[in-house]
Structure formats: C-alpha cells, structure tokens
Amino acid sequence: MRMKTSFLRRNDRILFQGDSITDAGRDRENPFNLGNGYVAILKGLIHGFYPELNAIILNRGNGGDRTTELLQRWDADCLALKPDVLSIKIGVNDVWRLAGEWNGQKHVPLKEFAANLDTLVTQARGKGIERIVLISPTTITPEADTPMNNMLGEYAEAVKQLAQRFNAVYVDARTPLLNARANDPKTSWTPDGCHPSISGHTLVAVAWLKAVGLM
C-alpha cells in the first residue's frame, strides 16, 4: 500500500495510553504485549502495509482508568518511556462512575476531565513529546440516546477542542461506532455497550490510521 502524507516517521516509538478499551487484555508481564484490541490491529496494519516505518508500538492502557489514574501513573507509564508519538484514549470511566463508584473511584465532571487531559498533554509536551493523538471516548450503553451516552458525547467534544488547541491529531472513534451500531445492528460492535468487539476495535484502528494520514 502506498503511504500517504503522514506525521509518522521511520523508527517512531508509538505509545498508546488509556483505559480497558486500549488495554484489551494485554499481558502486564510482557512490556511489548499489545492485547487483543485496536492497538494490536494497528500494529498488524502498520507493519504489514508500511514496513518501511519500522515502528515500535507500546501499549500501557489500564482497565478501569479515568484521567485521574492516568495522571497518577503518567511519569512511569508515559514520560519515562520517551515516545515519539503519544496516543491517548480516555473518558469512558470518567463518565461511567456516575452510575456508581468502583474501587473508590467517583465520577469526574466534564470541567475536571478537560483539565486533567490538558495536564497530561502539557506534561507530555514539556518532555518533548510533540506528536500527540487524542482519540474520542466511544460509547457506554447499548442504546445511543441515553443520558450517560449523551454525556460521553460532551466529553468527546472536549477532547476535540483540546486537540485543536494543542494542534494534536484528533481521532473521532465515536461516530463510526455509533453509525455502525445504527446501520448494522446485527453485528456485535459493542457487546456490552461499551467494550468493542473485534469489529468495533477495527473501526477504531481504521479511524486512527485515517487521522494520521495512513489511509
């Protein structure tokens, strides 16, 4: 496949960060294990179609995380790894905790969520990580028109605005999933309403490739 204009460069170290959707069951004992979600799909596509990039891909997604937990582990799990490209997908749990606390975690209001994500990006830029990708949170409930799912749309908009302010790449992963669920309800895109199936993860991976100019 012929490579289009892309902000990726040869030998880039690409770090993916986020919650369980990024985690996707990765093996914590193996620092190069990518799990079984969109990150692994991206590795296959990038290495398969663009081997000349010789990309090094890392996954440090952690199931259950909100922006709050990302801040707590940012030094060790991001800054210390010195990635050339940083991709962040976060926000589902910040909203989901509104349905009830989990392991002491509470809902993160929109303003606080935006401030937390701002801090994460600012700290990364302060360490010389110039190329940043921000992926929208996707879905929470099986139905599109629910209070929490609609609220998550507001968080996605905050991610988009932050990407514009920081001149980062914005990946709209939410819209393709919502459209797929509406247009092809027989396919299991998000079995529990939140976590994508392999088909859903593929949509996220394709949206990422398009946003960075590889498709």
Foldseek 3Di string as FASTA:
>chain_A
DDFFDFPQAAAFEEEEEEACLQPQPFDPVDFQTRHQFLQVVLVCVCCVPPVRSVYRYGYDYYHLDALVVCVVCVVPRPLVVPGLEYEYEHDLNLLVQCVDDDPNDHHNDLVRSLVSVLVSVVVCVVSVNLAYEYEQAAWDALDCPDVSNVVSVVSSVSSVVSCVVSVYFYFDLHVVLVVCCVVPVVDQQDVHGHHGDRVSRVSSNVSVCVRRRRD
